[in-house]
Amino acid sequence: MLTYKLHGRAALVTGAISGIGLATATMLARNGAAVAINHLPDDSRVPDTIARLRHEGLHVVAVPGRIGDGDEERM
């Protein structure tokens, strides 16, 4: 496993509630970064996923929002 010294750093990972995004967010947090986990506002997996990561002692916050083109409706 790759390891980095990311203490004092912050990251925003979009699409981070599953798959590659979640793996990336988890890796960054395990290496010391504070991570903002972007997800779709209505995703039901968010509470359990954030709770699991925080239970590991990781510094993560949930950041709901849609990342899309400029014509997409704003929240």
PDB file of N, CA and C in Angstrom:
ATOM      1  N   MET A   1       0.835  -1.178   0.000  1.00  0.00           N
ATOM      2  CA  MET A   1       0.000   0.000   0.000  1.00  0.00           C
ATOM      3  C   MET A   1       0.885   1.248   0.000  1.00  0.00           C
ATOM      4  N   LEU A   2       0.500   2.217  -0.799  1.00  0.00           N
ATOM      5  CA  LEU A   2       1.219   3.486  -0.822  1.00  0.00           C
ATOM      6  C   LEU A   2       0.917   4.282   0.432  1.00  0.00           C
ATOM      7  N   THR A   3       1.922   4.958   0.959  1.00  0.00           N
ATOM      8  CA  THR A   3       1.697   5.830   2.102  1.00  0.00           C
ATOM      9  C   THR A   3       2.311   7.194   1.811  1.00  0.00           C
ATOM     10  N   TYR A   4       1.673   8.211   2.336  1.00  0.00           N
ATOM     11  CA  TYR A   4       2.103   9.585   2.147  1.00  0.00           C
ATOM     12  C   TYR A   4       1.996  10.306   3.486  1.00  0.00           C
ATOM     13  N   LYS A   5       2.684  11.404   3.629  1.00  0.00           N
ATOM     14  CA  LYS A   5       2.578  12.242   4.824  1.00  0.00           C
ATOM     15  C   LYS A   5       1.698  13.431   4.454  1.00  0.00           C
ATOM     16  N   LEU A   6       0.421  13.332   4.776  1.00  0.00           N
ATOM     17  CA  LEU A   6      -0.534  14.363   4.371  1.00  0.00           C
ATOM     18  C   LEU A   6      -1.120  15.135   5.543  1.00  0.00           C
ATOM     19  N   HIS A   7      -0.534  15.022   6.717  1.00  0.00           N
ATOM     20  CA  HIS A   7      -1.025  15.760   7.879  1.00  0.00           C
ATOM     21  C   HIS A   7      -0.945  17.250   7.596  1.00  0.00           C
ATOM     22  N   GLY A   8      -2.009  17.970   7.943  1.00  0.00           N
ATOM     23  CA  GLY A   8      -2.072  19.396   7.678  1.00  0.00           C
ATOM     24  C   GLY A   8      -2.563  19.737   6.285  1.00  0.00           C
ATOM     25  N   ARG A   9      -2.870  18.736   5.495  1.00  0.00           N
ATOM     26  CA  ARG A   9      -3.378  18.934   4.133  1.00  0.00           C
ATOM     27  C   ARG A   9      -4.868  18.651   4.106  1.00  0.00           C
ATOM     28  N   ALA A  10      -5.537  19.201   3.103  1.00  0.00           N
ATOM     29  CA  ALA A  10      -6.970  18.968   2.928  1.00  0.00           C
ATOM     30  C   ALA A  10      -7.235  18.571   1.483  1.00  0.00           C
ATOM     31  N   ALA A  11      -8.284  17.782   1.285  1.00  0.00           N
ATOM     32  CA  ALA A  11      -8.650  17.345  -0.059  1.00  0.00           C
ATOM     33  C   ALA A  11     -10.166  17.335  -0.199  1.00  0.00           C
ATOM     34  N   LEU A  12     -10.625  17.635  -1.392  1.00  0.00           N
ATOM     35  CA  LEU A  12     -12.027  17.478  -1.768  1.00  0.00           C
ATOM     36  C   LEU A  12     -12.063  16.400  -2.824  1.00  0.00           C
ATOM     37  N   VAL A  13     -12.833  15.337  -2.563  1.00  0.00           N
ATOM     38  CA  VAL A  13     -12.957  14.246  -3.523  1.00  0.00           C
ATOM     39  C   VAL A  13     -14.408  14.194  -3.973  1.00  0.00           C
ATOM     40  N   THR A  14     -14.627  14.391  -5.273  1.00  0.00           N
ATOM     41  CA  THR A  14     -15.987  14.335  -5.808  1.00  0.00           C
ATOM     42  C   THR A  14     -16.356  12.894  -6.137  1.00  0.00           C
ATOM     43  N   GLY A  15     -17.646  12.597  -6.052  1.00  0.00           N
ATOM     44  CA  GLY A  15     -18.104  11.236  -6.314  1.00  0.00           C
ATOM     45  C   GLY A  15     -17.499  10.248  -5.342  1.00  0.00           C
ATOM     46  N   ALA A  16     -17.380  10.654  -4.081  1.00  0.00           N
ATOM     47  CA  ALA A  16     -16.569   9.898  -3.135  1.00  0.00           C
ATOM     48  C   ALA A  16     -17.348   9.002  -2.188  1.00  0.00           C
ATOM     49  N   ILE A  17     -18.582   8.679  -2.498  1.00  0.00           N
ATOM     50  CA  ILE A  17     -19.338   7.842  -1.569  1.00  0.00           C
ATOM     51  C   ILE A  17     -19.290   6.361  -1.963  1.00  0.00           C
ATOM     52  N   SER A  18     -18.660   6.078  -3.108  1.00  0.00           N
ATOM     53  CA  SER A  18     -18.511   4.674  -3.511  1.00  0.00           C
ATOM     54  C   SER A  18     -17.375   4.549  -4.522  1.00  0.00           C
ATOM     55  N   GLY A  19     -17.004   3.333  -4.795  1.00  0.00           N
ATOM     56  CA  GLY A  19     -16.046   3.027  -5.847  1.00  0.00           C
ATOM     57  C   GLY A  19     -14.692   3.689  -5.695  1.00  0.00           C
ATOM     58  N   ILE A  20     -14.145   4.130  -6.825  1.00  0.00           N
ATOM     59  CA  ILE A  20     -12.818   4.730  -6.853  1.00  0.00           C
ATOM     60  C   ILE A  20     -12.769   6.005  -6.024  1.00  0.00           C
ATOM     61  N   GLY A  21     -13.832   6.791  -6.051  1.00  0.00           N
ATOM     62  CA  GLY A  21     -13.868   8.024  -5.262  1.00  0.00           C
ATOM     63  C   GLY A  21     -13.747   7.749  -3.774  1.00  0.00           C
ATOM     64  N   LEU A  22     -14.494   6.757  -3.288  1.00  0.00           N
ATOM     65  CA  LEU A  22     -14.424   6.403  -1.868  1.00  0.00           C
ATOM     66  C   LEU A  22     -13.052   5.841  -1.524  1.00  0.00           C
ATOM     67  N   ALA A  23     -12.492   5.020  -2.392  1.00  0.00           N
ATOM     68  CA  ALA A  23     -11.160   4.459  -2.148  1.00  0.00           C
ATOM     69  C   ALA A  23     -10.116   5.574  -2.079  1.00  0.00           C
ATOM     70  N   THR A  24     -10.231   6.553  -2.952  1.00  0.00           N
ATOM     71  CA  THR A  24      -9.301   7.679  -2.948  1.00  0.00           C
ATOM     72  C   THR A  24      -9.446   8.505  -1.683  1.00  0.00           C
ATOM     73  N   ALA A  25     -10.685   8.830  -1.320  1.00  0.00           N
ATOM     74  CA  ALA A  25     -10.937   9.614  -0.105  1.00  0.00           C
ATOM     75  C   ALA A  25     -10.419   8.885   1.127  1.00  0.00           C
ATOM     76  N   THR A  26     -10.642   7.589   1.200  1.00  0.00           N
ATOM     77  CA  THR A  26     -10.197   6.786   2.335  1.00  0.00           C
ATOM     78  C   THR A  26      -8.674   6.770   2.422  1.00  0.00           C
ATOM     79  N   MET A  27      -8.008   6.572   1.281  1.00  0.00           N
ATOM     80  CA  MET A  27      -6.546   6.549   1.254  1.00  0.00           C
ATOM     81  C   MET A  27      -5.972   7.889   1.695  1.00  0.00           C
ATOM     82  N   LEU A  28      -6.544   8.976   1.209  1.00  0.00           N
ATOM     83  CA  LEU A  28      -6.060  10.305   1.606  1.00  0.00           C
ATOM     84  C   LEU A  28      -6.239  10.512   3.118  1.00  0.00           C
ATOM     85  N   ALA A  29      -7.402  10.145   3.643  1.00  0.00           N
ATOM     86  CA  ALA A  29      -7.672  10.323   5.071  1.00  0.00           C
ATOM     87  C   ALA A  29      -6.776   9.430   5.926  1.00  0.00           C
ATOM     88  N   ARG A  30      -6.548   8.213   5.493  1.00  0.00           N
ATOM     89  CA  ARG A  30      -5.680   7.305   6.257  1.00  0.00           C
ATOM     90  C   ARG A  30      -4.240   7.792   6.284  1.00  0.00           C
ATOM     91  N   ASN A  31      -3.887   8.632   5.327  1.00  0.00           N
ATOM     92  CA  ASN A  31      -2.543   9.187   5.274  1.00  0.00           C
ATOM     93  C   ASN A  31      -2.464  10.566   5.904  1.00  0.00           C
ATOM     94  N   GLY A  32      -3.537  10.984   6.603  1.00  0.00           N
ATOM     95  CA  GLY A  32      -3.484  12.183   7.413  1.00  0.00           C
ATOM     96  C   GLY A  32      -4.224  13.399   6.906  1.00  0.00           C
ATOM     97  N   ALA A  33      -4.738  13.368   5.696  1.00  0.00           N
ATOM     98  CA  ALA A  33      -5.450  14.530   5.158  1.00  0.00           C
ATOM     99  C   ALA A  33      -6.848  14.645   5.762  1.00  0.00           C
ATOM    100  N   ALA A  34      -7.317  15.871   5.873  1.00  0.00           N
ATOM    101  CA  ALA A  34      -8.724  16.119   6.183  1.00  0.00           C
ATOM    102  C   ALA A  34      -9.443  16.063   4.838  1.00  0.00           C
ATOM    103  N   VAL A  35     -10.490  15.255   4.745  1.00  0.00           N
ATOM    104  CA  VAL A  35     -11.115  15.012   3.442  1.00  0.00           C
ATOM    105  C   VAL A  35     -12.587  15.405   3.438  1.00  0.00           C
ATOM    106  N   ALA A  36     -12.955  16.219   2.449  1.00  0.00           N
ATOM    107  CA  ALA A  36     -14.347  16.554   2.192  1.00  0.00           C
ATOM    108  C   ALA A  36     -14.854  15.564   1.147  1.00  0.00           C
ATOM    109  N   ILE A  37     -15.855  14.793   1.536  1.00  0.00           N
ATOM    110  CA  ILE A  37     -16.402  13.753   0.670  1.00  0.00           C
ATOM    111  C   ILE A  37     -17.657  14.288  -0.012  1.00  0.00           C
ATOM    112  N   ASN A  38     -17.520  14.581  -1.307  1.00  0.00           N
ATOM    113  CA  ASN A  38     -18.647  15.082  -2.085  1.00  0.00           C
ATOM    114  C   ASN A  38     -19.517  13.912  -2.528  1.00  0.00           C
ATOM    115  N   HIS A  39     -20.829  14.117  -2.458  1.00  0.00           N
ATOM    116  CA  HIS A  39     -21.775  13.063  -2.826  1.00  0.00           C
ATOM    117  C   HIS A  39     -23.068  13.700  -3.296  1.00  0.00           C
ATOM    118  N   LEU A  40     -23.895  12.922  -3.977  1.00  0.00           N
ATOM    119  CA  LEU A  40     -25.204  13.412  -4.386  1.00  0.00           C
ATOM    120  C   LEU A  40     -26.056  13.634  -3.143  1.00  0.00           C
ATOM    121  N   PRO A  41     -26.842  14.702  -3.128  1.00  0.00           N
ATOM    122  CA  PRO A  41     -27.602  15.063  -1.923  1.00  0.00           C
ATOM    123  C   PRO A  41     -28.561  13.988  -1.417  1.00  0.00           C
ATOM    124  N   ASP A  42     -29.082  13.161  -2.299  1.00  0.00           N
ATOM    125  CA  ASP A  42     -30.095  12.180  -1.889  1.00  0.00           C
ATOM    126  C   ASP A  42     -29.531  10.762  -1.734  1.00  0.00           C
ATOM    127  N   ASP A  43     -28.229  10.613  -1.637  1.00  0.00           N
ATOM    128  CA  ASP A  43     -27.614   9.288  -1.539  1.00  0.00           C
ATOM    129  C   ASP A  43     -27.785   8.734  -0.128  1.00  0.00           C
ATOM    130  N   SER A  44     -28.472   7.628  -0.012  1.00  0.00           N
ATOM    131  CA  SER A  44     -28.784   7.046   1.302  1.00  0.00           C
ATOM    132  C   SER A  44     -27.579   6.369   1.962  1.00  0.00           C
ATOM    133  N   ARG A  45     -26.492   6.174   1.239  1.00  0.00           N
ATOM    134  CA  ARG A  45     -25.306   5.510   1.800  1.00  0.00           C
ATOM    135  C   ARG A  45     -24.447   6.438   2.647  1.00  0.00           C
ATOM    136  N   VAL A  46     -24.703   7.730   2.565  1.00  0.00           N
ATOM    137  CA  VAL A  46     -23.824   8.718   3.195  1.00  0.00           C
ATOM    138  C   VAL A  46     -23.680   8.528   4.708  1.00  0.00           C
ATOM    139  N   PRO A  47     -24.767   8.492   5.481  1.00  0.00           N
ATOM    140  CA  PRO A  47     -24.593   8.404   6.944  1.00  0.00           C
ATOM    141  C   PRO A  47     -23.742   7.220   7.392  1.00  0.00           C
ATOM    142  N   ASP A  48     -23.997   6.042   6.838  1.00  0.00           N
ATOM    143  CA  ASP A  48     -23.235   4.855   7.239  1.00  0.00           C
ATOM    144  C   ASP A  48     -21.776   4.942   6.817  1.00  0.00           C
ATOM    145  N   THR A  49     -21.536   5.443   5.620  1.00  0.00           N
ATOM    146  CA  THR A  49     -20.162   5.544   5.124  1.00  0.00           C
ATOM    147  C   THR A  49     -19.348   6.537   5.942  1.00  0.00           C
ATOM    148  N   ILE A  50     -19.909   7.712   6.196  1.00  0.00           N
ATOM    149  CA  ILE A  50     -19.204   8.722   6.984  1.00  0.00           C
ATOM    150  C   ILE A  50     -18.970   8.209   8.402  1.00  0.00           C
ATOM    151  N   ALA A  51     -19.970   7.567   8.993  1.00  0.00           N
ATOM    152  CA  ALA A  51     -19.824   7.024  10.351  1.00  0.00           C
ATOM    153  C   ALA A  51     -18.717   5.969  10.402  1.00  0.00           C
ATOM    154  N   ARG A  52     -18.655   5.110   9.401  1.00  0.00           N
ATOM    155  CA  ARG A  52     -17.620   4.062   9.362  1.00  0.00           C
ATOM    156  C   ARG A  52     -16.223   4.682   9.282  1.00  0.00           C
ATOM    157  N   LEU A  53     -16.064   5.695   8.440  1.00  0.00           N
ATOM    158  CA  LEU A  53     -14.757   6.340   8.305  1.00  0.00           C
ATOM    159  C   LEU A  53     -14.366   7.079   9.582  1.00  0.00           C
ATOM    160  N   ARG A  54     -15.320   7.755  10.187  1.00  0.00           N
ATOM    161  CA  ARG A  54     -15.025   8.468  11.444  1.00  0.00           C
ATOM    162  C   ARG A  54     -14.704   7.483  12.565  1.00  0.00           C
ATOM    163  N   HIS A  55     -15.357   6.326  12.552  1.00  0.00           N
ATOM    164  CA  HIS A  55     -15.087   5.290  13.554  1.00  0.00           C
ATOM    165  C   HIS A  55     -13.630   4.815  13.461  1.00  0.00           C
ATOM    166  N   GLU A  56     -13.063   4.894  12.261  1.00  0.00           N
ATOM    167  CA  GLU A  56     -11.646   4.559  12.060  1.00  0.00           C
ATOM    168  C   GLU A  56     -10.730   5.664  12.571  1.00  0.00           C
ATOM    169  N   GLY A  57     -11.327   6.786  12.973  1.00  0.00           N
ATOM    170  CA  GLY A  57     -10.526   7.908  13.449  1.00  0.00           C
ATOM    171  C   GLY A  57     -10.120   8.866  12.347  1.00  0.00           C
ATOM    172  N   LEU A  58     -10.754   8.745  11.181  1.00  0.00           N
ATOM    173  CA  LEU A  58     -10.395   9.594  10.053  1.00  0.00           C
ATOM    174  C   LEU A  58     -11.145  10.921  10.107  1.00  0.00           C
ATOM    175  N   HIS A  59     -10.498  11.977   9.628  1.00  0.00           N
ATOM    176  CA  HIS A  59     -11.088  13.310   9.617  1.00  0.00           C
ATOM    177  C   HIS A  59     -11.766  13.533   8.265  1.00  0.00           C
ATOM    178  N   VAL A  60     -13.075  13.238   8.211  1.00  0.00           N
ATOM    179  CA  VAL A  60     -13.856  13.386   6.985  1.00  0.00           C
ATOM    180  C   VAL A  60     -15.120  14.173   7.273  1.00  0.00           C
ATOM    181  N   VAL A  61     -15.577  14.903   6.263  1.00  0.00           N
ATOM    182  CA  VAL A  61     -16.850  15.610   6.336  1.00  0.00           C
ATOM    183  C   VAL A  61     -17.632  15.315   5.061  1.00  0.00           C
ATOM    184  N   ALA A  62     -18.941  15.245   5.194  1.00  0.00           N
ATOM    185  CA  ALA A  62     -19.807  15.029   4.041  1.00  0.00           C
ATOM    186  C   ALA A  62     -20.140  16.375   3.411  1.00  0.00           C
ATOM    187  N   VAL A  63     -20.022  16.436   2.092  1.00  0.00           N
ATOM    188  CA  VAL A  63     -20.288  17.669   1.346  1.00  0.00           C
ATOM    189  C   VAL A  63     -21.233  17.335   0.197  1.00  0.00           C
ATOM    190  N   PRO A  64     -22.556  17.462   0.438  1.00  0.00           N
ATOM    191  CA  PRO A  64     -23.497  17.141  -0.629  1.00  0.00           C
ATOM    192  C   PRO A  64     -23.458  18.190  -1.741  1.00  0.00           C
ATOM    193  N   GLY A  65     -23.665  17.735  -2.954  1.00  0.00           N
ATOM    194  CA  GLY A  65     -23.733  18.652  -4.083  1.00  0.00           C
ATOM    195  C   GLY A  65     -23.557  17.917  -5.390  1.00  0.00           C
ATOM    196  N   ARG A  66     -24.071  18.523  -6.429  1.00  0.00           N
ATOM    197  CA  ARG A  66     -23.943  17.947  -7.768  1.00  0.00           C
ATOM    198  C   ARG A  66     -22.848  18.684  -8.525  1.00  0.00           C
ATOM    199  N   ILE A  67     -21.915  17.931  -9.044  1.00  0.00           N
ATOM    200  CA  ILE A  67     -20.867  18.496  -9.872  1.00  0.00           C
ATOM    201  C   ILE A  67     -21.271  18.207 -11.317  1.00  0.00           C
ATOM    202  N   GLY A  68     -21.557  19.253 -12.047  1.00  0.00           N
ATOM    203  CA  GLY A  68     -22.006  19.053 -13.425  1.00  0.00           C
ATOM    204  C   GLY A  68     -21.739  20.288 -14.249  1.00  0.00           C
ATOM    205  N   ASP A  69     -22.430  20.370 -15.348  1.00  0.00           N
ATOM    206  CA  ASP A  69     -22.221  21.535 -16.197  1.00  0.00           C
ATOM    207  C   ASP A  69     -22.928  22.754 -15.628  1.00  0.00           C
ATOM    208  N   GLY A  70     -22.621  23.906 -16.148  1.00  0.00           N
ATOM    209  CA  GLY A  70     -23.158  25.151 -15.623  1.00  0.00           C
ATOM    210  C   GLY A  70     -24.652  25.322 -15.805  1.00  0.00           C
ATOM    211  N   ASP A  71     -25.260  24.529 -16.666  1.00  0.00           N
ATOM    212  CA  ASP A  71     -26.702  24.640 -16.902  1.00  0.00           C
ATOM    213  C   ASP A  71     -27.535  23.826 -15.916  1.00  0.00           C
ATOM    214  N   GLU A  72     -26.871  22.986 -15.131  1.00  0.00           N
ATOM    215  CA  GLU A  72     -27.577  22.140 -14.174  1.00  0.00           C
ATOM    216  C   GLU A  72     -28.167  23.000 -13.050  1.00  0.00           C
ATOM    217  N   GLU A  73     -29.347  22.624 -12.596  1.00  0.00           N
ATOM    218  CA  GLU A  73     -30.022  23.369 -11.523  1.00  0.00           C
ATOM    219  C   GLU A  73     -29.167  23.398 -10.268  1.00  0.00           C
ATOM    220  N   ARG A  74     -29.060  24.578  -9.702  1.00  0.00           N
ATOM    221  CA  ARG A  74     -28.306  24.729  -8.446  1.00  0.00           C
ATOM    222  C   ARG A  74     -29.172  24.360  -7.272  1.00  0.00           C
ATOM    223  N   MET A  75     -28.506  23.942  -6.207  1.00  0.00           N
ATOM    224  CA  MET A  75     -29.226  23.562  -4.992  1.00  0.00           C
ATOM    225  C   MET A  75     -29.352  24.740  -4.082  1.00  0.00           C
TER     226      MET A  75
END
